[in-house]
Amino acid sequence: MFSVLSGLAMVVLAVVPGIKAKDRMWALIAGALYIGYGIYVAKQTSGTFVFPVWIFIIPFGVVIYLIVTLAKRYGAKEGE
């Protein structure tokens, strides 16, 4: 569930105006991968699952990076 929510958050942030095309592309790719991984895991009916630590760290890093990028971009426009 956390993986799908993280993916959705990245996709939403990727469509926010003011983000560079490269950052937008990587956020969309990462968001799609997280959503796909979450759906894959949700469909499993048996077995033991171990979630790598990066599944919890990367989404926060991406969201923080995109927010900082937007803040710098809009901060620079206000100072002009």
C-alpha atoms as a PDB file:
ATOM      1  CA  MET A   1       0.000   0.000   0.000  1.00  0.00           C
ATOM      2  CA  PHE A   2       2.825   2.400   0.871  1.00  0.00           C
ATOM      3  CA  SER A   3       4.416   1.723  -2.489  1.00  0.00           C
ATOM      4  CA  VAL A   4       1.253   2.678  -4.388  1.00  0.00           C
ATOM      5  CA  LEU A   5       0.792   5.838  -2.308  1.00  0.00           C
ATOM      6  CA  SER A   6       4.418   6.802  -2.873  1.00  0.00           C
ATOM      7  CA  GLY A   7       4.009   6.274  -6.590  1.00  0.00           C
ATOM      8  CA  LEU A   8       0.879   8.390  -6.684  1.00  0.00           C
ATOM      9  CA  ALA A   9       2.631  11.174  -4.768  1.00  0.00           C
ATOM     10  CA  MET A  10       5.494  11.161  -7.278  1.00  0.00           C
ATOM     11  CA  VAL A  11       3.128  11.210 -10.250  1.00  0.00           C
ATOM     12  CA  VAL A  12       1.175  14.130  -8.756  1.00  0.00           C
ATOM     13  CA  LEU A  13       4.360  16.087  -8.096  1.00  0.00           C
ATOM     14  CA  ALA A  14       5.559  15.363 -11.627  1.00  0.00           C
ATOM     15  CA  VAL A  15       2.599  17.181 -13.142  1.00  0.00           C
ATOM     16  CA  VAL A  16       3.046  20.302 -11.011  1.00  0.00           C
ATOM     17  CA  PRO A  17       4.024  23.258 -13.224  1.00  0.00           C
ATOM     18  CA  GLY A  18       7.551  24.585 -12.919  1.00  0.00           C
ATOM     19  CA  ILE A  19       9.490  21.314 -12.820  1.00  0.00           C
ATOM     20  CA  LYS A  20      12.188  20.658 -15.411  1.00  0.00           C
ATOM     21  CA  ALA A  21      11.366  18.081 -18.085  1.00  0.00           C
ATOM     22  CA  LYS A  22      14.152  15.753 -16.874  1.00  0.00           C
ATOM     23  CA  ASP A  23      12.899  15.812 -13.281  1.00  0.00           C
ATOM     24  CA  ARG A  24       9.324  15.371 -14.464  1.00  0.00           C
ATOM     25  CA  MET A  25      10.309  12.326 -16.526  1.00  0.00           C
ATOM     26  CA  TRP A  26      12.175  10.656 -13.653  1.00  0.00           C
ATOM     27  CA  ALA A  27       9.345  11.344 -11.211  1.00  0.00           C
ATOM     28  CA  LEU A  28       6.831   9.810 -13.625  1.00  0.00           C
ATOM     29  CA  ILE A  29       9.032   6.757 -14.217  1.00  0.00           C
ATOM     30  CA  ALA A  30       9.666   6.250 -10.509  1.00  0.00           C
ATOM     31  CA  GLY A  31       5.988   6.768  -9.723  1.00  0.00           C
ATOM     32  CA  ALA A  32       4.927   4.226 -12.330  1.00  0.00           C
ATOM     33  CA  LEU A  33       7.464   1.696 -11.046  1.00  0.00           C
ATOM     34  CA  TYR A  34       6.322   2.129  -7.445  1.00  0.00           C
ATOM     35  CA  ILE A  35       2.664   1.770  -8.412  1.00  0.00           C
ATOM     36  CA  GLY A  36       3.473  -1.338 -10.449  1.00  0.00           C
ATOM     37  CA  TYR A  37       5.488  -2.846  -7.611  1.00  0.00           C
ATOM     38  CA  GLY A  38       2.698  -2.144  -5.133  1.00  0.00           C
ATOM     39  CA  ILE A  39       0.130  -3.828  -7.357  1.00  0.00           C
ATOM     40  CA  TYR A  40       2.462  -6.798  -7.906  1.00  0.00           C
ATOM     41  CA  VAL A  41       2.947  -7.296  -4.173  1.00  0.00           C
ATOM     42  CA  ALA A  42      -0.764  -6.822  -3.453  1.00  0.00           C
ATOM     43  CA  LYS A  43      -1.654  -9.660  -5.820  1.00  0.00           C
ATOM     44  CA  GLN A  44       0.613 -12.143  -4.038  1.00  0.00           C
ATOM     45  CA  THR A  45      -1.370 -14.636  -1.999  1.00  0.00           C
ATOM     46  CA  SER A  46       1.336 -16.667  -0.281  1.00  0.00           C
ATOM     47  CA  GLY A  47       4.940 -16.534   0.782  1.00  0.00           C
ATOM     48  CA  THR A  48       7.105 -14.358   2.929  1.00  0.00           C
ATOM     49  CA  PHE A  49       7.851 -10.858   1.756  1.00  0.00           C
ATOM     50  CA  VAL A  50      10.865  -8.751   2.614  1.00  0.00           C
ATOM     51  CA  PHE A  51      10.689  -5.135   1.565  1.00  0.00           C
ATOM     52  CA  PRO A  52      13.999  -3.451   0.796  1.00  0.00           C
ATOM     53  CA  VAL A  53      14.678  -0.281   2.752  1.00  0.00           C
ATOM     54  CA  TRP A  54      14.870   1.818  -0.436  1.00  0.00           C
ATOM     55  CA  ILE A  55      11.129   1.444  -0.940  1.00  0.00           C
ATOM     56  CA  PHE A  56      10.664   3.675   2.107  1.00  0.00           C
ATOM     57  CA  ILE A  57      13.558   6.100   1.554  1.00  0.00           C
ATOM     58  CA  ILE A  58      13.484   6.948  -2.160  1.00  0.00           C
ATOM     59  CA  PRO A  59       9.934   8.392  -2.260  1.00  0.00           C
ATOM     60  CA  PHE A  60      10.702  10.847   0.534  1.00  0.00           C
ATOM     61  CA  GLY A  61      13.940  11.844  -1.172  1.00  0.00           C
ATOM     62  CA  VAL A  62      12.172  12.427  -4.484  1.00  0.00           C
ATOM     63  CA  VAL A  63       9.384  14.473  -2.900  1.00  0.00           C
ATOM     64  CA  ILE A  64      11.866  16.595  -0.936  1.00  0.00           C
ATOM     65  CA  TYR A  65      14.011  17.125  -4.045  1.00  0.00           C
ATOM     66  CA  LEU A  66      11.037  18.214  -6.149  1.00  0.00           C
ATOM     67  CA  ILE A  67       9.760  20.564  -3.435  1.00  0.00           C
ATOM     68  CA  VAL A  68      13.206  22.160  -3.028  1.00  0.00           C
ATOM     69  CA  THR A  69      13.502  22.520  -6.814  1.00  0.00           C
ATOM     70  CA  LEU A  70      10.117  24.241  -6.989  1.00  0.00           C
ATOM     71  CA  ALA A  71      10.935  26.494  -4.035  1.00  0.00           C
ATOM     72  CA  LYS A  72      14.205  27.589  -5.652  1.00  0.00           C
ATOM     73  CA  ARG A  73      12.561  28.185  -9.008  1.00  0.00           C
ATOM     74  CA  TYR A  74       9.672  30.242  -7.591  1.00  0.00           C
ATOM     75  CA  GLY A  75      11.985  32.005  -5.137  1.00  0.00           C
ATOM     76  CA  ALA A  76      14.205  33.103  -8.026  1.00  0.00           C
ATOM     77  CA  LYS A  77      11.200  34.403  -9.985  1.00  0.00           C
ATOM     78  CA  GLU A  78       9.959  36.494  -7.044  1.00  0.00           C
ATOM     79  CA  GLY A  79      13.397  38.067  -6.602  1.00  0.00           C
ATOM     80  CA  GLU A  80      13.576  39.285 -10.220  1.00  0.00           C
END
